[in-house]
Amino acid sequence: MSTLEGAGEFEIIGVEEIRAHISSAVTTCDVVMALLAAGDWAIGIGIVPRAENPLSDVAATPKAAAKLEAAKESAKKSASAALRPTAKSGTVKVRIAGTKRDDPRAFNISAAFTLMGQVLSKRTQEGREATSLVRSGLNQNEAAEELGISKQAMSQRLQAAGWQAETAGWQLAVNLIEEAGRP
């Protein structure tokens, strides 16, 4: 996952805890979807509004570097706080730095991932294979050929796997994260 554009190196924090600084809403959603598909993770997302986040600063100055470290620390604290007091696997909790615990934007992001998690949990092995190929960039014809099935069978697998709901939910989550990151 650390090879995804915008994802920093994943740190191993404990036996069952990893952490990464991710600078893009798209990459955040990709990582969360992979962890939800695995099913064994409770996920905390800390969002730092851009006014506090110097990632857009072009000049690499000591001041910008210090601001970046402060933003990363704020995101870490927000992500950890989102998972407290209890965190269950398959859940995504969100905190936006500098806001109240019950910020509706954070709730909406969590809700979008909850809905997508439900879609993922109902997916068959055939559905996981089909969606994985399409997500990797193949079109339906190419994916069907890869699996040795007809285009119609591929379409049916994607429909049964909830592919349309997943892609709509994924885009919704990206949009909500981007909105939460605006000052």
C-alpha atoms as a PDB file:
ATOM      1  CA  MET A   1       0.000   0.000   0.000  1.00  0.00           C
ATOM      2  CA  SER A   2       2.905   2.369   0.584  1.00  0.00           C
ATOM      3  CA  THR A   3       3.577   2.254  -3.164  1.00  0.00           C
ATOM      4  CA  LEU A   4       0.320   4.147  -3.797  1.00  0.00           C
ATOM      5  CA  GLU A   5       0.823   7.747  -4.877  1.00  0.00           C
ATOM      6  CA  GLY A   6       0.468  10.047  -1.874  1.00  0.00           C
ATOM      7  CA  ALA A   7       0.959   7.317   0.743  1.00  0.00           C
ATOM      8  CA  GLY A   8       3.887   7.607   3.057  1.00  0.00           C
ATOM      9  CA  GLU A   9       5.712   4.656   4.474  1.00  0.00           C
ATOM     10  CA  PHE A  10       3.596   2.512   6.779  1.00  0.00           C
ATOM     11  CA  GLU A  11       4.935   2.390  10.318  1.00  0.00           C
ATOM     12  CA  ILE A  12       4.374  -0.660  12.472  1.00  0.00           C
ATOM     13  CA  ILE A  13       3.223   0.765  15.808  1.00  0.00           C
ATOM     14  CA  GLY A  14       2.277  -2.401  17.649  1.00  0.00           C
ATOM     15  CA  VAL A  15       1.272  -5.988  17.101  1.00  0.00           C
ATOM     16  CA  GLU A  16      -1.980  -4.975  15.429  1.00  0.00           C
ATOM     17  CA  GLU A  17      -1.440  -1.351  14.526  1.00  0.00           C
ATOM     18  CA  ILE A  18      -0.008   0.380  11.492  1.00  0.00           C
ATOM     19  CA  ARG A  19       0.025   4.038  10.543  1.00  0.00           C
ATOM     20  CA  ALA A  20       0.811   6.107   7.458  1.00  0.00           C
ATOM     21  CA  HIS A  21       0.625   9.734   6.443  1.00  0.00           C
ATOM     22  CA  ILE A  22      -1.469   9.945   3.272  1.00  0.00           C
ATOM     23  CA  SER A  23      -1.675  13.234   1.422  1.00  0.00           C
ATOM     24  CA  SER A  24      -4.437  12.443  -1.056  1.00  0.00           C
ATOM     25  CA  ALA A  25      -8.163  11.724  -0.654  1.00  0.00           C
ATOM     26  CA  VAL A  26      -8.011   9.212  -3.515  1.00  0.00           C
ATOM     27  CA  THR A  27      -5.170   7.257  -1.908  1.00  0.00           C
ATOM     28  CA  THR A  28      -6.886   7.430   1.483  1.00  0.00           C
ATOM     29  CA  CYS A  29      -9.974   5.812  -0.031  1.00  0.00           C
ATOM     30  CA  ASP A  30      -7.903   3.156  -1.821  1.00  0.00           C
ATOM     31  CA  VAL A  31      -6.128   2.219   1.427  1.00  0.00           C
ATOM     32  CA  VAL A  32      -9.355   2.173   3.444  1.00  0.00           C
ATOM     33  CA  MET A  33     -11.066  -0.008   0.831  1.00  0.00           C
ATOM     34  CA  ALA A  34      -8.163  -2.490   0.890  1.00  0.00           C
ATOM     35  CA  LEU A  35      -8.297  -2.665   4.685  1.00  0.00           C
ATOM     36  CA  LEU A  36     -12.102  -3.020   4.679  1.00  0.00           C
ATOM     37  CA  ALA A  37     -11.853  -5.821   2.122  1.00  0.00           C
ATOM     38  CA  ALA A  38      -9.381  -7.613   4.402  1.00  0.00           C
ATOM     39  CA  GLY A  39     -12.006  -7.316   7.139  1.00  0.00           C
ATOM     40  CA  ASP A  40      -9.688  -7.427  10.154  1.00  0.00           C
ATOM     41  CA  TRP A  41      -8.990  -3.734  10.681  1.00  0.00           C
ATOM     42  CA  ALA A  42     -10.489  -0.881  12.656  1.00  0.00           C
ATOM     43  CA  ILE A  43      -9.524   2.234  10.737  1.00  0.00           C
ATOM     44  CA  GLY A  44      -9.001   5.725  12.101  1.00  0.00           C
ATOM     45  CA  ILE A  45      -8.669   8.682   9.760  1.00  0.00           C
ATOM     46  CA  GLY A  46      -7.371  12.021  10.961  1.00  0.00           C
ATOM     47  CA  ILE A  47      -7.963  14.924   8.598  1.00  0.00           C
ATOM     48  CA  VAL A  48      -6.062  18.183   8.902  1.00  0.00           C
ATOM     49  CA  PRO A  49      -7.657  21.135   7.092  1.00  0.00           C
ATOM     50  CA  ARG A  50      -5.365  22.633   4.436  1.00  0.00           C
ATOM     51  CA  ALA A  51      -4.956  25.920   6.332  1.00  0.00           C
ATOM     52  CA  GLU A  52      -2.989  23.926   8.922  1.00  0.00           C
ATOM     53  CA  ASN A  53      -1.447  21.565   6.377  1.00  0.00           C
ATOM     54  CA  PRO A  54       1.505  22.917   4.359  1.00  0.00           C
ATOM     55  CA  LEU A  55       1.530  20.097   1.799  1.00  0.00           C
ATOM     56  CA  SER A  56       0.733  22.635  -0.888  1.00  0.00           C
ATOM     57  CA  ASP A  57       3.760  24.766   0.037  1.00  0.00           C
ATOM     58  CA  VAL A  58       6.158  24.567  -2.888  1.00  0.00           C
ATOM     59  CA  ALA A  59       9.196  25.988  -1.111  1.00  0.00           C
ATOM     60  CA  ALA A  60      10.967  23.577   1.196  1.00  0.00           C
ATOM     61  CA  THR A  61      11.796  25.920   4.030  1.00  0.00           C
ATOM     62  CA  PRO A  62      12.487  25.032   7.657  1.00  0.00           C
ATOM     63  CA  LYS A  63       9.219  26.772   8.571  1.00  0.00           C
ATOM     64  CA  ALA A  64       7.265  24.688   6.018  1.00  0.00           C
ATOM     65  CA  ALA A  65       8.957  21.506   7.264  1.00  0.00           C
ATOM     66  CA  ALA A  66       8.008  22.352  10.850  1.00  0.00           C
ATOM     67  CA  LYS A  67       4.407  23.044   9.780  1.00  0.00           C
ATOM     68  CA  LEU A  68       4.296  19.725   7.936  1.00  0.00           C
ATOM     69  CA  GLU A  69       5.519  17.826  11.012  1.00  0.00           C
ATOM     70  CA  ALA A  70       2.922  19.615  13.166  1.00  0.00           C
ATOM     71  CA  ALA A  71       0.188  18.727  10.653  1.00  0.00           C
ATOM     72  CA  LYS A  72       1.273  15.067  10.625  1.00  0.00           C
ATOM     73  CA  GLU A  73       1.236  14.991  14.419  1.00  0.00           C
ATOM     74  CA  SER A  74      -2.230  16.567  14.454  1.00  0.00           C
ATOM     75  CA  ALA A  75      -3.472  13.963  11.963  1.00  0.00           C
ATOM     76  CA  LYS A  76      -2.001  11.113  14.055  1.00  0.00           C
ATOM     77  CA  LYS A  77      -3.684  12.397  17.209  1.00  0.00           C
ATOM     78  CA  SER A  78      -6.999  12.859  15.388  1.00  0.00           C
ATOM     79  CA  ALA A  79      -6.872   9.353  13.889  1.00  0.00           C
ATOM     80  CA  SER A  80      -6.065   7.791  17.273  1.00  0.00           C
ATOM     81  CA  ALA A  81      -8.815   9.806  18.966  1.00  0.00           C
ATOM     82  CA  ALA A  82     -11.305   8.653  16.318  1.00  0.00           C
ATOM     83  CA  LEU A  83     -10.779   5.023  17.325  1.00  0.00           C
ATOM     84  CA  ARG A  84     -11.252   5.602  21.045  1.00  0.00           C
ATOM     85  CA  PRO A  85     -12.797   4.369  23.279  1.00  0.00           C
ATOM     86  CA  THR A  86     -13.686   1.224  21.352  1.00  0.00           C
ATOM     87  CA  ALA A  87     -12.773   0.179  17.865  1.00  0.00           C
ATOM     88  CA  LYS A  88     -14.271  -2.830  16.134  1.00  0.00           C
ATOM     89  CA  SER A  89     -12.794  -4.427  13.064  1.00  0.00           C
ATOM     90  CA  GLY A  90     -14.530  -3.388   9.870  1.00  0.00           C
ATOM     91  CA  THR A  91     -15.255   0.117  11.151  1.00  0.00           C
ATOM     92  CA  VAL A  92     -13.937   3.454   9.936  1.00  0.00           C
ATOM     93  CA  LYS A  93     -13.909   6.383  12.335  1.00  0.00           C
ATOM     94  CA  VAL A  94     -12.947   9.901  11.298  1.00  0.00           C
ATOM     95  CA  ARG A  95     -11.833  13.002  13.198  1.00  0.00           C
ATOM     96  CA  ILE A  96     -11.127  16.381  11.688  1.00  0.00           C
ATOM     97  CA  ALA A  97      -8.400  18.245  13.565  1.00  0.00           C
ATOM     98  CA  GLY A  98      -9.624  21.334  15.346  1.00  0.00           C
ATOM     99  CA  THR A  99     -13.315  20.359  15.276  1.00  0.00           C
ATOM    100  CA  LYS A 100     -15.762  18.829  17.728  1.00  0.00           C
ATOM    101  CA  ARG A 101     -15.990  15.076  18.121  1.00  0.00           C
ATOM    102  CA  ASP A 102     -19.464  15.042  16.540  1.00  0.00           C
ATOM    103  CA  ASP A 103     -18.560  17.025  13.400  1.00  0.00           C
ATOM    104  CA  PRO A 104     -21.151  15.989  10.767  1.00  0.00           C
ATOM    105  CA  ARG A 105     -18.490  15.952   8.025  1.00  0.00           C
ATOM    106  CA  ALA A 106     -16.557  13.267   9.904  1.00  0.00           C
ATOM    107  CA  PHE A 107     -19.765  11.304  10.488  1.00  0.00           C
ATOM    108  CA  ASN A 108     -20.626  11.467   6.761  1.00  0.00           C
ATOM    109  CA  ILE A 109     -17.211  10.102   5.752  1.00  0.00           C
ATOM    110  CA  SER A 110     -17.552   7.262   8.261  1.00  0.00           C
ATOM    111  CA  ALA A 111     -21.066   6.539   6.996  1.00  0.00           C
ATOM    112  CA  ALA A 112     -19.904   6.336   3.368  1.00  0.00           C
ATOM    113  CA  PHE A 113     -17.255   3.774   4.339  1.00  0.00           C
ATOM    114  CA  THR A 114     -19.764   1.838   6.464  1.00  0.00           C
ATOM    115  CA  LEU A 115     -22.019   1.461   3.426  1.00  0.00           C
ATOM    116  CA  MET A 116     -19.119   0.385   1.200  1.00  0.00           C
ATOM    117  CA  GLY A 117     -17.951  -2.050   3.882  1.00  0.00           C
ATOM    118  CA  GLN A 118     -21.381  -3.661   3.787  1.00  0.00           C
ATOM    119  CA  VAL A 119     -21.107  -4.099   0.016  1.00  0.00           C
ATOM    120  CA  LEU A 120     -17.616  -5.603   0.366  1.00  0.00           C
ATOM    121  CA  SER A 121     -18.697  -8.013   3.116  1.00  0.00           C
ATOM    122  CA  LYS A 122     -21.360  -9.566   0.864  1.00  0.00           C
ATOM    123  CA  ARG A 123     -19.031 -10.105  -2.088  1.00  0.00           C
ATOM    124  CA  THR A 124     -18.262 -13.621  -3.330  1.00  0.00           C
ATOM    125  CA  GLN A 125     -14.814 -14.779  -4.420  1.00  0.00           C
ATOM    126  CA  GLU A 126     -15.904 -14.427  -8.062  1.00  0.00           C
ATOM    127  CA  GLY A 127     -17.098 -10.888  -7.345  1.00  0.00           C
ATOM    128  CA  ARG A 128     -13.775 -10.012  -5.675  1.00  0.00           C
ATOM    129  CA  GLU A 129     -11.881 -11.315  -8.723  1.00  0.00           C
ATOM    130  CA  ALA A 130     -14.073  -9.361 -11.151  1.00  0.00           C
ATOM    131  CA  THR A 131     -13.953  -6.076  -9.235  1.00  0.00           C
ATOM    132  CA  SER A 132     -10.215  -6.389  -8.640  1.00  0.00           C
ATOM    133  CA  LEU A 133      -9.542  -6.655 -12.362  1.00  0.00           C
ATOM    134  CA  VAL A 134     -11.755  -3.692 -13.241  1.00  0.00           C
ATOM    135  CA  ARG A 135     -10.284  -1.628 -10.378  1.00  0.00           C
ATOM    136  CA  SER A 136      -6.796  -2.384 -11.735  1.00  0.00           C
ATOM    137  CA  GLY A 137      -7.727  -0.637 -14.980  1.00  0.00           C
ATOM    138  CA  LEU A 138      -9.039  -3.376 -17.255  1.00  0.00           C
ATOM    139  CA  ASN A 139     -12.313  -2.774 -19.052  1.00  0.00           C
ATOM    140  CA  GLN A 140     -15.083  -5.385 -18.793  1.00  0.00           C
ATOM    141  CA  ASN A 141     -14.075  -7.128 -22.042  1.00  0.00           C
ATOM    142  CA  GLU A 142     -10.430  -7.415 -20.963  1.00  0.00           C
ATOM    143  CA  ALA A 143     -11.405  -8.588 -17.480  1.00  0.00           C
ATOM    144  CA  ALA A 144     -13.783 -11.189 -18.923  1.00  0.00           C
ATOM    145  CA  GLU A 145     -11.036 -12.460 -21.209  1.00  0.00           C
ATOM    146  CA  GLU A 146      -8.615 -12.636 -18.254  1.00  0.00           C
ATOM    147  CA  LEU A 147     -11.118 -14.765 -16.323  1.00  0.00           C
ATOM    148  CA  GLY A 148     -12.079 -16.863 -19.346  1.00  0.00           C
ATOM    149  CA  ILE A 149     -15.744 -15.866 -19.175  1.00  0.00           C
ATOM    150  CA  SER A 150     -18.150 -14.009 -21.479  1.00  0.00           C
ATOM    151  CA  LYS A 151     -18.669 -10.251 -21.315  1.00  0.00           C
ATOM    152  CA  GLN A 152     -22.234 -10.936 -20.173  1.00  0.00           C
ATOM    153  CA  ALA A 153     -20.995 -13.161 -17.330  1.00  0.00           C
ATOM    154  CA  MET A 154     -18.524 -10.458 -16.332  1.00  0.00           C
ATOM    155  CA  SER A 155     -21.277  -7.855 -16.304  1.00  0.00           C
ATOM    156  CA  GLN A 156     -23.415 -10.152 -14.122  1.00  0.00           C
ATOM    157  CA  ARG A 157     -20.528 -10.699 -11.687  1.00  0.00           C
ATOM    158  CA  LEU A 158     -19.923  -6.977 -11.359  1.00  0.00           C
ATOM    159  CA  GLN A 159     -23.637  -6.354 -10.831  1.00  0.00           C
ATOM    160  CA  ALA A 160     -23.882  -9.061  -8.165  1.00  0.00           C
ATOM    161  CA  ALA A 161     -20.710  -7.743  -6.501  1.00  0.00           C
ATOM    162  CA  GLY A 162     -22.208  -4.267  -6.109  1.00  0.00           C
ATOM    163  CA  TRP A 163     -19.588  -2.640  -8.327  1.00  0.00           C
ATOM    164  CA  GLN A 164     -21.769   0.394  -9.134  1.00  0.00           C
ATOM    165  CA  ALA A 165     -22.505   0.993  -5.445  1.00  0.00           C
ATOM    166  CA  GLU A 166     -18.815   0.637  -4.587  1.00  0.00           C
ATOM    167  CA  THR A 167     -17.650   3.103  -7.217  1.00  0.00           C
ATOM    168  CA  ALA A 168     -20.355   5.629  -6.297  1.00  0.00           C
ATOM    169  CA  GLY A 169     -19.527   5.264  -2.591  1.00  0.00           C
ATOM    170  CA  TRP A 170     -15.804   5.543  -3.262  1.00  0.00           C
ATOM    171  CA  GLN A 171     -16.291   8.805  -5.195  1.00  0.00           C
ATOM    172  CA  LEU A 172     -18.574  10.119  -2.457  1.00  0.00           C
ATOM    173  CA  ALA A 173     -15.910   9.367   0.170  1.00  0.00           C
ATOM    174  CA  VAL A 174     -13.211  11.079  -1.921  1.00  0.00           C
ATOM    175  CA  ASN A 175     -15.412  14.170  -2.291  1.00  0.00           C
ATOM    176  CA  LEU A 176     -16.243  14.269   1.432  1.00  0.00           C
ATOM    177  CA  ILE A 177     -12.585  13.903   2.470  1.00  0.00           C
ATOM    178  CA  GLU A 178     -11.537  16.654   0.066  1.00  0.00           C
ATOM    179  CA  GLU A 179     -14.297  18.910   1.431  1.00  0.00           C
ATOM    180  CA  ALA A 180     -13.259  18.200   5.039  1.00  0.00           C
ATOM    181  CA  GLY A 181      -9.687  19.119   4.150  1.00  0.00           C
ATOM    182  CA  ARG A 182     -10.635  22.587   2.939  1.00  0.00           C
ATOM    183  CA  PRO A 183     -10.088  25.425   5.397  1.00  0.00           C
END
